[in-house]
Amino acid sequence: MAERAHLPGAIALAYGAGDAAPKVVAKGHGLIADQIIERARAAGVFVHESKELVALLMNVELDREIPPALYRAIAELLAWLYHIESAQEHGGILPSPPDLTRAIETGNTTAEMNASEHE
């Protein structure tokens, strides 16, 4: 099991109208990660690479909502995806991928603060 953590990982999120928060709908390492990425690209879904975000989301169970500590990072990612769709529709320039480092760090700090409050 420890060997699996060293393989590249991938997470798939789904967020539908009426959902309270995005859900983890697929996750895995190695060959499973490759399949997640391949299927996303085949479906025209943009893939964003963030080892830090993948590592955090691997802790979320399948079909569960992302934790509030990651809302900001995922919101920035979703905003980027909406800008890509808009640029494609209107022939605009594709935006650069977001740097989620700050949002992830802020989320980690929030998660740590929340955890210490419950101890």
PDB file of N, CA and C in Angstrom:
ATOM      1  N   MET A   1       0.822  -1.193   0.000  1.00  0.00           N
ATOM      2  CA  MET A   1       0.000   0.000   0.000  1.00  0.00           C
ATOM      3  C   MET A   1       0.861   1.249   0.000  1.00  0.00           C
ATOM      4  N   ALA A   2       1.973   1.259   0.729  1.00  0.00           N
ATOM      5  CA  ALA A   2       2.846   2.427   0.767  1.00  0.00           C
ATOM      6  C   ALA A   2       3.449   2.700  -0.603  1.00  0.00           C
ATOM      7  N   GLU A   3       3.690   1.647  -1.393  1.00  0.00           N
ATOM      8  CA  GLU A   3       4.231   1.824  -2.734  1.00  0.00           C
ATOM      9  C   GLU A   3       3.269   2.605  -3.615  1.00  0.00           C
ATOM     10  N   ARG A   4       1.995   2.406  -3.447  1.00  0.00           N
ATOM     11  CA  ARG A   4       0.989   3.077  -4.261  1.00  0.00           C
ATOM     12  C   ARG A   4       1.059   4.589  -4.096  1.00  0.00           C
ATOM     13  N   ALA A   5       1.356   5.067  -2.908  1.00  0.00           N
ATOM     14  CA  ALA A   5       1.411   6.504  -2.653  1.00  0.00           C
ATOM     15  C   ALA A   5       2.521   7.183  -3.446  1.00  0.00           C
ATOM     16  N   HIS A   6       3.528   6.429  -3.888  1.00  0.00           N
ATOM     17  CA  HIS A   6       4.621   7.023  -4.654  1.00  0.00           C
ATOM     18  C   HIS A   6       4.302   7.118  -6.141  1.00  0.00           C
ATOM     19  N   LEU A   7       3.250   6.452  -6.600  1.00  0.00           N
ATOM     20  CA  LEU A   7       2.845   6.524  -7.994  1.00  0.00           C
ATOM     21  C   LEU A   7       2.034   7.792  -8.220  1.00  0.00           C
ATOM     22  N   PRO A   8       2.070   8.330  -9.440  1.00  0.00           N
ATOM     23  CA  PRO A   8       1.253   9.516  -9.721  1.00  0.00           C
ATOM     24  C   PRO A   8      -0.224   9.217  -9.461  1.00  0.00           C
ATOM     25  N   GLY A   9      -0.931  10.195  -8.932  1.00  0.00           N
ATOM     26  CA  GLY A   9      -2.341  10.022  -8.623  1.00  0.00           C
ATOM     27  C   GLY A   9      -3.215  10.939  -9.446  1.00  0.00           C
ATOM     28  N   ALA A  10      -4.498  10.631  -9.474  1.00  0.00           N
ATOM     29  CA  ALA A  10      -5.476  11.465 -10.163  1.00  0.00           C
ATOM     30  C   ALA A  10      -6.796  11.401  -9.410  1.00  0.00           C
ATOM     31  N   ILE A  11      -7.512  12.503  -9.483  1.00  0.00           N
ATOM     32  CA  ILE A  11      -8.817  12.635  -8.841  1.00  0.00           C
ATOM     33  C   ILE A  11      -9.788  13.182  -9.878  1.00  0.00           C
ATOM     34  N   ALA A  12     -11.014  12.692  -9.872  1.00  0.00           N
ATOM     35  CA  ALA A  12     -12.071  13.266 -10.702  1.00  0.00           C
ATOM     36  C   ALA A  12     -13.138  13.812  -9.766  1.00  0.00           C
ATOM     37  N   LEU A  13     -13.539  15.048 -10.031  1.00  0.00           N
ATOM     38  CA  LEU A  13     -14.583  15.689  -9.246  1.00  0.00           C
ATOM     39  C   LEU A  13     -15.806  15.906 -10.121  1.00  0.00           C
ATOM     40  N   ALA A  14     -16.970  15.899  -9.508  1.00  0.00           N
ATOM     41  CA  ALA A  14     -18.212  16.228 -10.203  1.00  0.00           C
ATOM     42  C   ALA A  14     -18.951  17.260  -9.365  1.00  0.00           C
ATOM     43  N   TYR A  15     -19.530  18.233 -10.056  1.00  0.00           N
ATOM     44  CA  TYR A  15     -20.279  19.276  -9.366  1.00  0.00           C
ATOM     45  C   TYR A  15     -21.491  19.610 -10.216  1.00  0.00           C
ATOM     46  N   GLY A  16     -22.657  19.252  -9.722  1.00  0.00           N
ATOM     47  CA  GLY A  16     -23.880  19.494 -10.463  1.00  0.00           C
ATOM     48  C   GLY A  16     -24.726  20.573  -9.827  1.00  0.00           C
ATOM     49  N   ALA A  17     -25.647  21.095 -10.610  1.00  0.00           N
ATOM     50  CA  ALA A  17     -26.571  22.102 -10.096  1.00  0.00           C
ATOM     51  C   ALA A  17     -27.307  21.509  -8.899  1.00  0.00           C
ATOM     52  N   GLY A  18     -27.370  22.265  -7.845  1.00  0.00           N
ATOM     53  CA  GLY A  18     -28.053  21.801  -6.646  1.00  0.00           C
ATOM     54  C   GLY A  18     -27.166  21.077  -5.659  1.00  0.00           C
ATOM     55  N   ASP A  19     -25.947  20.725  -6.082  1.00  0.00           N
ATOM     56  CA  ASP A  19     -25.009  20.088  -5.153  1.00  0.00           C
ATOM     57  C   ASP A  19     -24.474  21.126  -4.178  1.00  0.00           C
ATOM     58  N   ALA A  20     -24.312  20.730  -2.931  1.00  0.00           N
ATOM     59  CA  ALA A  20     -23.756  21.637  -1.926  1.00  0.00           C
ATOM     60  C   ALA A  20     -22.274  21.896  -2.182  1.00  0.00           C
ATOM     61  N   ALA A  21     -21.573  20.895  -2.671  1.00  0.00           N
ATOM     62  CA  ALA A  21     -20.133  21.011  -2.939  1.00  0.00           C
ATOM     63  C   ALA A  21     -19.745  19.936  -3.950  1.00  0.00           C
ATOM     64  N   PRO A  22     -18.619  20.127  -4.632  1.00  0.00           N
ATOM     65  CA  PRO A  22     -18.141  19.082  -5.547  1.00  0.00           C
ATOM     66  C   PRO A  22     -17.875  17.779  -4.797  1.00  0.00           C
ATOM     67  N   LYS A  23     -18.024  16.671  -5.515  1.00  0.00           N
ATOM     68  CA  LYS A  23     -17.790  15.347  -4.933  1.00  0.00           C
ATOM     69  C   LYS A  23     -16.631  14.661  -5.646  1.00  0.00           C
ATOM     70  N   VAL A  24     -15.925  13.832  -4.907  1.00  0.00           N
ATOM     71  CA  VAL A  24     -14.881  12.988  -5.481  1.00  0.00           C
ATOM     72  C   VAL A  24     -15.588  11.785  -6.099  1.00  0.00           C
ATOM     73  N   VAL A  25     -15.501  11.658  -7.430  1.00  0.00           N
ATOM     74  CA  VAL A  25     -16.209  10.566  -8.105  1.00  0.00           C
ATOM     75  C   VAL A  25     -15.268   9.481  -8.627  1.00  0.00           C
ATOM     76  N   ALA A  26     -13.978   9.768  -8.638  1.00  0.00           N
ATOM     77  CA  ALA A  26     -12.979   8.755  -9.012  1.00  0.00           C
ATOM     78  C   ALA A  26     -11.641   9.189  -8.447  1.00  0.00           C
ATOM     79  N   LYS A  27     -10.840   8.209  -8.047  1.00  0.00           N
ATOM     80  CA  LYS A  27      -9.494   8.515  -7.570  1.00  0.00           C
ATOM     81  C   LYS A  27      -8.646   7.264  -7.670  1.00  0.00           C
ATOM     82  N   GLY A  28      -7.362   7.467  -7.846  1.00  0.00           N
ATOM     83  CA  GLY A  28      -6.480   6.317  -7.917  1.00  0.00           C
ATOM     84  C   GLY A  28      -5.054   6.714  -8.219  1.00  0.00           C
ATOM     85  N   HIS A  29      -4.171   5.725  -8.149  1.00  0.00           N
ATOM     86  CA  HIS A  29      -2.749   5.906  -8.436  1.00  0.00           C
ATOM     87  C   HIS A  29      -2.352   5.012  -9.607  1.00  0.00           C
ATOM     88  N   GLY A  30      -1.247   5.333 -10.238  1.00  0.00           N
ATOM     89  CA  GLY A  30      -0.684   4.481 -11.279  1.00  0.00           C
ATOM     90  C   GLY A  30      -1.606   4.305 -12.467  1.00  0.00           C
ATOM     91  N   LEU A  31      -1.895   3.053 -12.808  1.00  0.00           N
ATOM     92  CA  LEU A  31      -2.720   2.756 -13.981  1.00  0.00           C
ATOM     93  C   LEU A  31      -4.130   3.321 -13.856  1.00  0.00           C
ATOM     94  N   ILE A  32      -4.679   3.300 -12.663  1.00  0.00           N
ATOM     95  CA  ILE A  32      -6.020   3.863 -12.468  1.00  0.00           C
ATOM     96  C   ILE A  32      -5.980   5.367 -12.695  1.00  0.00           C
ATOM     97  N   ALA A  33      -4.946   6.029 -12.208  1.00  0.00           N
ATOM     98  CA  ALA A  33      -4.794   7.468 -12.442  1.00  0.00           C
ATOM     99  C   ALA A  33      -4.694   7.742 -13.940  1.00  0.00           C
ATOM    100  N   ASP A  34      -3.917   6.931 -14.635  1.00  0.00           N
ATOM    101  CA  ASP A  34      -3.784   7.089 -16.090  1.00  0.00           C
ATOM    102  C   ASP A  34      -5.140   6.964 -16.779  1.00  0.00           C
ATOM    103  N   GLN A  35      -5.963   6.014 -16.337  1.00  0.00           N
ATOM    104  CA  GLN A  35      -7.288   5.821 -16.933  1.00  0.00           C
ATOM    105  C   GLN A  35      -8.210   7.002 -16.638  1.00  0.00           C
ATOM    106  N   ILE A  36      -8.135   7.533 -15.427  1.00  0.00           N
ATOM    107  CA  ILE A  36      -8.953   8.699 -15.072  1.00  0.00           C
ATOM    108  C   ILE A  36      -8.603   9.862 -15.990  1.00  0.00           C
ATOM    109  N   ILE A  37      -7.312  10.112 -16.162  1.00  0.00           N
ATOM    110  CA  ILE A  37      -6.853  11.222 -17.004  1.00  0.00           C
ATOM    111  C   ILE A  37      -7.228  10.978 -18.465  1.00  0.00           C
ATOM    112  N   GLU A  38      -7.026   9.759 -18.942  1.00  0.00           N
ATOM    113  CA  GLU A  38      -7.352   9.416 -20.334  1.00  0.00           C
ATOM    114  C   GLU A  38      -8.841   9.613 -20.616  1.00  0.00           C
ATOM    115  N   ARG A  39      -9.687   9.157 -19.709  1.00  0.00           N
ATOM    116  CA  ARG A  39     -11.137   9.306 -19.897  1.00  0.00           C
ATOM    117  C   ARG A  39     -11.555  10.776 -19.847  1.00  0.00           C
ATOM    118  N   ALA A  40     -10.937  11.532 -18.959  1.00  0.00           N
ATOM    119  CA  ALA A  40     -11.256  12.959 -18.880  1.00  0.00           C
ATOM    120  C   ALA A  40     -10.917  13.647 -20.198  1.00  0.00           C
ATOM    121  N   ARG A  41      -9.724  13.404 -20.694  1.00  0.00           N
ATOM    122  CA  ARG A  41      -9.306  14.039 -21.952  1.00  0.00           C
ATOM    123  C   ARG A  41     -10.176  13.584 -23.120  1.00  0.00           C
ATOM    124  N   ALA A  42     -10.526  12.300 -23.154  1.00  0.00           N
ATOM    125  CA  ALA A  42     -11.385  11.780 -24.225  1.00  0.00           C
ATOM    126  C   ALA A  42     -12.762  12.441 -24.197  1.00  0.00           C
ATOM    127  N   ALA A  43     -13.209  12.826 -23.003  1.00  0.00           N
ATOM    128  CA  ALA A  43     -14.508  13.479 -22.849  1.00  0.00           C
ATOM    129  C   ALA A  43     -14.414  14.993 -23.024  1.00  0.00           C
ATOM    130  N   GLY A  44     -13.211  15.494 -23.317  1.00  0.00           N
ATOM    131  CA  GLY A  44     -13.037  16.930 -23.507  1.00  0.00           C
ATOM    132  C   GLY A  44     -12.911  17.714 -22.216  1.00  0.00           C
ATOM    133  N   VAL A  45     -12.631  17.016 -21.139  1.00  0.00           N
ATOM    134  CA  VAL A  45     -12.467  17.672 -19.838  1.00  0.00           C
ATOM    135  C   VAL A  45     -11.007  18.086 -19.687  1.00  0.00           C
ATOM    136  N   PHE A  46     -10.798  19.328 -19.296  1.00  0.00           N
ATOM    137  CA  PHE A  46      -9.436  19.794 -19.081  1.00  0.00           C
ATOM    138  C   PHE A  46      -8.867  19.170 -17.817  1.00  0.00           C
ATOM    139  N   VAL A  47      -7.591  18.872 -17.862  1.00  0.00           N
ATOM    140  CA  VAL A  47      -6.903  18.242 -16.741  1.00  0.00           C
ATOM    141  C   VAL A  47      -5.940  19.255 -16.146  1.00  0.00           C
ATOM    142  N   HIS A  48      -6.038  19.444 -14.847  1.00  0.00           N
ATOM    143  CA  HIS A  48      -5.133  20.356 -14.134  1.00  0.00           C
ATOM    144  C   HIS A  48      -4.248  19.530 -13.218  1.00  0.00           C
ATOM    145  N   GLU A  49      -2.947  19.785 -13.274  1.00  0.00           N
ATOM    146  CA  GLU A  49      -2.009  19.036 -12.439  1.00  0.00           C
ATOM    147  C   GLU A  49      -1.684  19.807 -11.165  1.00  0.00           C
ATOM    148  N   SER A  50      -1.910  19.178 -10.038  1.00  0.00           N
ATOM    149  CA  SER A  50      -1.562  19.748  -8.740  1.00  0.00           C
ATOM    150  C   SER A  50      -1.348  18.591  -7.767  1.00  0.00           C
ATOM    151  N   LYS A  51      -0.091  18.231  -7.569  1.00  0.00           N
ATOM    152  CA  LYS A  51       0.222  17.113  -6.673  1.00  0.00           C
ATOM    153  C   LYS A  51      -0.303  17.359  -5.267  1.00  0.00           C
ATOM    154  N   GLU A  52      -0.214  18.622  -4.822  1.00  0.00           N
ATOM    155  CA  GLU A  52      -0.662  18.953  -3.467  1.00  0.00           C
ATOM    156  C   GLU A  52      -2.163  18.738  -3.321  1.00  0.00           C
ATOM    157  N   LEU A  53      -2.920  19.209  -4.314  1.00  0.00           N
ATOM    158  CA  LEU A  53      -4.372  19.075  -4.255  1.00  0.00           C
ATOM    159  C   LEU A  53      -4.791  17.607  -4.362  1.00  0.00           C
ATOM    160  N   VAL A  54      -4.137  16.861  -5.241  1.00  0.00           N
ATOM    161  CA  VAL A  54      -4.429  15.426  -5.364  1.00  0.00           C
ATOM    162  C   VAL A  54      -4.174  14.724  -4.034  1.00  0.00           C
ATOM    163  N   ALA A  55      -3.052  15.050  -3.393  1.00  0.00           N
ATOM    164  CA  ALA A  55      -2.717  14.412  -2.115  1.00  0.00           C
ATOM    165  C   ALA A  55      -3.803  14.678  -1.072  1.00  0.00           C
ATOM    166  N   LEU A  56      -4.311  15.902  -1.026  1.00  0.00           N
ATOM    167  CA  LEU A  56      -5.358  16.231  -0.056  1.00  0.00           C
ATOM    168  C   LEU A  56      -6.678  15.540  -0.402  1.00  0.00           C
ATOM    169  N   LEU A  57      -7.019  15.525  -1.688  1.00  0.00           N
ATOM    170  CA  LEU A  57      -8.287  14.926  -2.097  1.00  0.00           C
ATOM    171  C   LEU A  57      -8.286  13.405  -2.000  1.00  0.00           C
ATOM    172  N   MET A  58      -7.115  12.794  -1.994  1.00  0.00           N
ATOM    173  CA  MET A  58      -7.048  11.337  -1.825  1.00  0.00           C
ATOM    174  C   MET A  58      -7.608  10.915  -0.466  1.00  0.00           C
ATOM    175  N   ASN A  59      -7.662  11.841   0.481  1.00  0.00           N
ATOM    176  CA  ASN A  59      -8.194  11.546   1.813  1.00  0.00           C
ATOM    177  C   ASN A  59      -9.722  11.584   1.863  1.00  0.00           C
ATOM    178  N   VAL A  60     -10.348  12.052   0.780  1.00  0.00           N
ATOM    179  CA  VAL A  60     -11.807  12.134   0.721  1.00  0.00           C
ATOM    180  C   VAL A  60     -12.336  10.821   0.143  1.00  0.00           C
ATOM    181  N   GLU A  61     -13.324  10.243   0.798  1.00  0.00           N
ATOM    182  CA  GLU A  61     -13.913   8.990   0.319  1.00  0.00           C
ATOM    183  C   GLU A  61     -14.675   9.228  -0.981  1.00  0.00           C
ATOM    184  N   LEU A  62     -14.770   8.178  -1.802  1.00  0.00           N
ATOM    185  CA  LEU A  62     -15.527   8.267  -3.053  1.00  0.00           C
ATOM    186  C   LEU A  62     -16.971   8.663  -2.782  1.00  0.00           C
ATOM    187  N   ASP A  63     -17.512   9.469  -3.683  1.00  0.00           N
ATOM    188  CA  ASP A  63     -18.892   9.955  -3.624  1.00  0.00           C
ATOM    189  C   ASP A  63     -19.162  10.839  -2.411  1.00  0.00           C
ATOM    190  N   ARG A  64     -18.108  11.390  -1.837  1.00  0.00           N
ATOM    191  CA  ARG A  64     -18.242  12.331  -0.715  1.00  0.00           C
ATOM    192  C   ARG A  64     -17.870  13.729  -1.193  1.00  0.00           C
ATOM    193  N   GLU A  65     -18.481  14.726  -0.566  1.00  0.00           N
ATOM    194  CA  GLU A  65     -18.163  16.116  -0.894  1.00  0.00           C
ATOM    195  C   GLU A  65     -16.765  16.468  -0.413  1.00  0.00           C
ATOM    196  N   ILE A  66     -16.157  17.410  -1.122  1.00  0.00           N
ATOM    197  CA  ILE A  66     -14.846  17.885  -0.689  1.00  0.00           C
ATOM    198  C   ILE A  66     -15.010  18.613   0.643  1.00  0.00           C
ATOM    199  N   PRO A  67     -13.982  18.650   1.469  1.00  0.00           N
ATOM    200  CA  PRO A  67     -14.092  19.344   2.753  1.00  0.00           C
ATOM    201  C   PRO A  67     -14.081  20.863   2.559  1.00  0.00           C
ATOM    202  N   PRO A  68     -14.730  21.595   3.455  1.00  0.00           N
ATOM    203  CA  PRO A  68     -14.765  23.054   3.355  1.00  0.00           C
ATOM    204  C   PRO A  68     -13.380  23.699   3.252  1.00  0.00           C
ATOM    205  N   ALA A  69     -12.370  23.088   3.832  1.00  0.00           N
ATOM    206  CA  ALA A  69     -11.021  23.654   3.773  1.00  0.00           C
ATOM    207  C   ALA A  69     -10.502  23.741   2.337  1.00  0.00           C
ATOM    208  N   LEU A  70     -11.085  22.979   1.418  1.00  0.00           N
ATOM    209  CA  LEU A  70     -10.630  22.995   0.021  1.00  0.00           C
ATOM    210  C   LEU A  70     -11.574  23.761  -0.907  1.00  0.00           C
ATOM    211  N   TYR A  71     -12.621  24.375  -0.369  1.00  0.00           N
ATOM    212  CA  TYR A  71     -13.573  25.103  -1.206  1.00  0.00           C
ATOM    213  C   TYR A  71     -12.883  26.168  -2.057  1.00  0.00           C
ATOM    214  N   ARG A  72     -12.003  26.950  -1.453  1.00  0.00           N
ATOM    215  CA  ARG A  72     -11.372  28.049  -2.196  1.00  0.00           C
ATOM    216  C   ARG A  72     -10.540  27.515  -3.359  1.00  0.00           C
ATOM    217  N   ALA A  73      -9.731  26.508  -3.113  1.00  0.00           N
ATOM    218  CA  ALA A  73      -8.888  25.949  -4.172  1.00  0.00           C
ATOM    219  C   ALA A  73      -9.749  25.396  -5.307  1.00  0.00           C
ATOM    220  N   ILE A  74     -10.802  24.682  -4.968  1.00  0.00           N
ATOM    221  CA  ILE A  74     -11.661  24.094  -5.994  1.00  0.00           C
ATOM    222  C   ILE A  74     -12.457  25.182  -6.704  1.00  0.00           C
ATOM    223  N   ALA A  75     -12.874  26.224  -5.987  1.00  0.00           N
ATOM    224  CA  ALA A  75     -13.584  27.338  -6.622  1.00  0.00           C
ATOM    225  C   ALA A  75     -12.693  28.011  -7.667  1.00  0.00           C
ATOM    226  N   GLU A  76     -11.414  28.193  -7.350  1.00  0.00           N
ATOM    227  CA  GLU A  76     -10.484  28.783  -8.313  1.00  0.00           C
ATOM    228  C   GLU A  76     -10.317  27.869  -9.525  1.00  0.00           C
ATOM    229  N   LEU A  77     -10.282  26.589  -9.288  1.00  0.00           N
ATOM    230  CA  LEU A  77     -10.156  25.623 -10.377  1.00  0.00           C
ATOM    231  C   LEU A  77     -11.408  25.644 -11.262  1.00  0.00           C
ATOM    232  N   LEU A  78     -12.587  25.673 -10.652  1.00  0.00           N
ATOM    233  CA  LEU A  78     -13.834  25.731 -11.418  1.00  0.00           C
ATOM    234  C   LEU A  78     -13.943  27.031 -12.209  1.00  0.00           C
ATOM    235  N   ALA A  79     -13.512  28.148 -11.611  1.00  0.00           N
ATOM    236  CA  ALA A  79     -13.529  29.431 -12.322  1.00  0.00           C
ATOM    237  C   ALA A  79     -12.645  29.352 -13.564  1.00  0.00           C
ATOM    238  N   TRP A  80     -11.479  28.728 -13.432  1.00  0.00           N
ATOM    239  CA  TRP A  80     -10.580  28.550 -14.573  1.00  0.00           C
ATOM    240  C   TRP A  80     -11.274  27.743 -15.676  1.00  0.00           C
ATOM    241  N   LEU A  81     -11.957  26.661 -15.287  1.00  0.00           N
ATOM    242  CA  LEU A  81     -12.652  25.831 -16.269  1.00  0.00           C
ATOM    243  C   LEU A  81     -13.762  26.602 -16.978  1.00  0.00           C
ATOM    244  N   TYR A  82     -14.500  27.428 -16.238  1.00  0.00           N
ATOM    245  CA  TYR A  82     -15.551  28.230 -16.860  1.00  0.00           C
ATOM    246  C   TYR A  82     -14.952  29.242 -17.835  1.00  0.00           C
ATOM    247  N   HIS A  83     -13.801  29.823 -17.498  1.00  0.00           N
ATOM    248  CA  HIS A  83     -13.128  30.760 -18.406  1.00  0.00           C
ATOM    249  C   HIS A  83     -12.665  30.045 -19.676  1.00  0.00           C
ATOM    250  N   ILE A  84     -12.198  28.820 -19.533  1.00  0.00           N
ATOM    251  CA  ILE A  84     -11.788  28.035 -20.703  1.00  0.00           C
ATOM    252  C   ILE A  84     -12.990  27.805 -21.618  1.00  0.00           C
ATOM    253  N   GLU A  85     -14.113  27.384 -21.041  1.00  0.00           N
ATOM    254  CA  GLU A  85     -15.313  27.138 -21.847  1.00  0.00           C
ATOM    255  C   GLU A  85     -15.763  28.405 -22.562  1.00  0.00           C
ATOM    256  N   SER A  86     -15.727  29.528 -21.867  1.00  0.00           N
ATOM    257  CA  SER A  86     -16.117  30.803 -22.456  1.00  0.00           C
ATOM    258  C   SER A  86     -15.174  31.194 -23.591  1.00  0.00           C
ATOM    259  N   ALA A  87     -13.877  31.023 -23.378  1.00  0.00           N
ATOM    260  CA  ALA A  87     -12.893  31.358 -24.408  1.00  0.00           C
ATOM    261  C   ALA A  87     -13.086  30.482 -25.642  1.00  0.00           C
ATOM    262  N   GLN A  88     -13.403  29.224 -25.438  1.00  0.00           N
ATOM    263  CA  GLN A  88     -13.618  28.325 -26.573  1.00  0.00           C
ATOM    264  C   GLN A  88     -14.881  28.699 -27.349  1.00  0.00           C
ATOM    265  N   GLU A  89     -15.928  29.068 -26.621  1.00  0.00           N
ATOM    266  CA  GLU A  89     -17.184  29.454 -27.270  1.00  0.00           C
ATOM    267  C   GLU A  89     -17.034  30.709 -28.099  1.00  0.00           C
ATOM    268  N   HIS A  90     -16.268  31.673 -27.585  1.00  0.00           N
ATOM    269  CA  HIS A  90     -16.168  32.984 -28.219  1.00  0.00           C
ATOM    270  C   HIS A  90     -14.846  33.206 -28.944  1.00  0.00           C
ATOM    271  N   GLY A  91     -14.051  32.162 -29.074  1.00  0.00           N
ATOM    272  CA  GLY A  91     -12.792  32.284 -29.799  1.00  0.00           C
ATOM    273  C   GLY A  91     -11.738  33.104 -29.081  1.00  0.00           C
ATOM    274  N   GLY A  92     -11.820  33.169 -27.777  1.00  0.00           N
ATOM    275  CA  GLY A  92     -10.852  33.943 -27.004  1.00  0.00           C
ATOM    276  C   GLY A  92      -9.597  33.155 -26.696  1.00  0.00           C
ATOM    277  N   ILE A  93      -8.708  33.812 -25.990  1.00  0.00           N
ATOM    278  CA  ILE A  93      -7.449  33.195 -25.578  1.00  0.00           C
ATOM    279  C   ILE A  93      -7.705  32.348 -24.338  1.00  0.00           C
ATOM    280  N   LEU A  94      -7.165  31.138 -24.345  1.00  0.00           N
ATOM    281  CA  LEU A  94      -7.332  30.260 -23.185  1.00  0.00           C
ATOM    282  C   LEU A  94      -6.550  30.810 -21.999  1.00  0.00           C
ATOM    283  N   PRO A  95      -7.176  30.866 -20.837  1.00  0.00           N
ATOM    284  CA  PRO A  95      -6.481  31.374 -19.649  1.00  0.00           C
ATOM    285  C   PRO A  95      -5.429  30.391 -19.143  1.00  0.00           C
ATOM    286  N   SER A  96      -4.439  30.934 -18.469  1.00  0.00           N
ATOM    287  CA  SER A  96      -3.413  30.088 -17.846  1.00  0.00           C
ATOM    288  C   SER A  96      -4.029  29.345 -16.670  1.00  0.00           C
ATOM    289  N   PRO A  97      -3.537  28.150 -16.375  1.00  0.00           N
ATOM    290  CA  PRO A  97      -4.049  27.414 -15.210  1.00  0.00           C
ATOM    291  C   PRO A  97      -3.789  28.195 -13.925  1.00  0.00           C
ATOM    292  N   PRO A  98      -4.675  28.073 -12.962  1.00  0.00           N
ATOM    293  CA  PRO A  98      -4.485  28.798 -11.704  1.00  0.00           C
ATOM    294  C   PRO A  98      -3.350  28.203 -10.874  1.00  0.00           C
ATOM    295  N   ASP A  99      -2.716  29.063 -10.095  1.00  0.00           N
ATOM    296  CA  ASP A  99      -1.731  28.599  -9.112  1.00  0.00           C
ATOM    297  C   ASP A  99      -2.500  28.412  -7.809  1.00  0.00           C
ATOM    298  N   LEU A 100      -2.756  27.180  -7.458  1.00  0.00           N
ATOM    299  CA  LEU A 100      -3.594  26.872  -6.298  1.00  0.00           C
ATOM    300  C   LEU A 100      -2.822  26.807  -4.992  1.00  0.00           C
ATOM    301  N   THR A 101      -1.531  27.092  -5.047  1.00  0.00           N
ATOM    302  CA  THR A 101      -0.687  26.954  -3.858  1.00  0.00           C
ATOM    303  C   THR A 101      -1.230  27.743  -2.679  1.00  0.00           C
ATOM    304  N   ARG A 102      -1.547  29.012  -2.894  1.00  0.00           N
ATOM    305  CA  ARG A 102      -2.026  29.857  -1.792  1.00  0.00           C
ATOM    306  C   ARG A 102      -3.371  29.367  -1.247  1.00  0.00           C
ATOM    307  N   ALA A 103      -4.278  28.995  -2.145  1.00  0.00           N
ATOM    308  CA  ALA A 103      -5.592  28.511  -1.706  1.00  0.00           C
ATOM    309  C   ALA A 103      -5.458  27.208  -0.930  1.00  0.00           C
ATOM    310  N   ILE A 104      -4.536  26.352  -1.369  1.00  0.00           N
ATOM    311  CA  ILE A 104      -4.319  25.090  -0.659  1.00  0.00           C
ATOM    312  C   ILE A 104      -3.710  25.354   0.707  1.00  0.00           C
ATOM    313  N   GLU A 105      -2.730  26.259   0.769  1.00  0.00           N
ATOM    314  CA  GLU A 105      -2.102  26.589   2.057  1.00  0.00           C
ATOM    315  C   GLU A 105      -3.118  27.191   3.007  1.00  0.00           C
ATOM    316  N   THR A 106      -3.975  28.079   2.500  1.00  0.00           N
ATOM    317  CA  THR A 106      -5.017  28.683   3.329  1.00  0.00           C
ATOM    318  C   THR A 106      -5.976  27.607   3.818  1.00  0.00           C
ATOM    319  N   GLY A 107      -6.346  26.691   2.934  1.00  0.00           N
ATOM    320  CA  GLY A 107      -7.238  25.590   3.309  1.00  0.00           C
ATOM    321  C   GLY A 107      -6.627  24.698   4.356  1.00  0.00           C
ATOM    322  N   ASN A 108      -5.332  24.417   4.225  1.00  0.00           N
ATOM    323  CA  ASN A 108      -4.655  23.584   5.220  1.00  0.00           C
ATOM    324  C   ASN A 108      -4.644  24.265   6.571  1.00  0.00           C
ATOM    325  N   THR A 109      -4.387  25.562   6.585  1.00  0.00           N
ATOM    326  CA  THR A 109      -4.381  26.307   7.840  1.00  0.00           C
ATOM    327  C   THR A 109      -5.763  26.257   8.481  1.00  0.00           C
ATOM    328  N   THR A 110      -6.799  26.449   7.666  1.00  0.00           N
ATOM    329  CA  THR A 110      -8.166  26.397   8.172  1.00  0.00           C
ATOM    330  C   THR A 110      -8.488  25.014   8.717  1.00  0.00           C
ATOM    331  N   ALA A 111      -8.090  23.981   7.986  1.00  0.00           N
ATOM    332  CA  ALA A 111      -8.354  22.606   8.433  1.00  0.00           C
ATOM    333  C   ALA A 111      -7.642  22.317   9.745  1.00  0.00           C
ATOM    334  N   GLU A 112      -6.394  22.787   9.868  1.00  0.00           N
ATOM    335  CA  GLU A 112      -5.648  22.568  11.105  1.00  0.00           C
ATOM    336  C   GLU A 112      -6.313  23.291  12.273  1.00  0.00           C
ATOM    337  N   MET A 113      -6.803  24.528  12.011  1.00  0.00           N
ATOM    338  CA  MET A 113      -7.464  25.290  13.070  1.00  0.00           C
ATOM    339  C   MET A 113      -8.746  24.582  13.494  1.00  0.00           C
ATOM    340  N   ASN A 114      -9.515  24.094  12.518  1.00  0.00           N
ATOM    341  CA  ASN A 114     -10.761  23.394  12.836  1.00  0.00           C
ATOM    342  C   ASN A 114     -10.489  22.115  13.613  1.00  0.00           C
ATOM    343  N   ALA A 115      -9.444  21.395  13.241  1.00  0.00           N
ATOM    344  CA  ALA A 115      -9.100  20.148  13.933  1.00  0.00           C
ATOM    345  C   ALA A 115      -8.704  20.424  15.375  1.00  0.00           C
ATOM    346  N   SER A 116      -7.953  21.495  15.602  1.00  0.00           N
ATOM    347  CA  SER A 116      -7.506  21.792  16.962  1.00  0.00           C
ATOM    348  C   SER A 116      -8.666  22.247  17.844  1.00  0.00           C
ATOM    349  N   GLU A 117      -9.705  22.835  17.228  1.00  0.00           N
ATOM    350  CA  GLU A 117     -10.874  23.252  17.995  1.00  0.00           C
ATOM    351  C   GLU A 117     -11.659  22.048  18.515  1.00  0.00           C
ATOM    352  N   HIS A 118     -11.588  20.919  17.798  1.00  0.00           N
ATOM    353  CA  HIS A 118     -12.371  19.737  18.167  1.00  0.00           C
ATOM    354  C   HIS A 118     -11.614  18.781  19.075  1.00  0.00           C
ATOM    355  N   GLU A 119     -10.381  19.111  19.412  1.00  0.00           N
ATOM    356  CA  GLU A 119      -9.592  18.218  20.280  1.00  0.00           C
ATOM    357  C   GLU A 119      -9.947  18.414  21.733  1.00  0.00           C
TER     358      GLU A 119
END
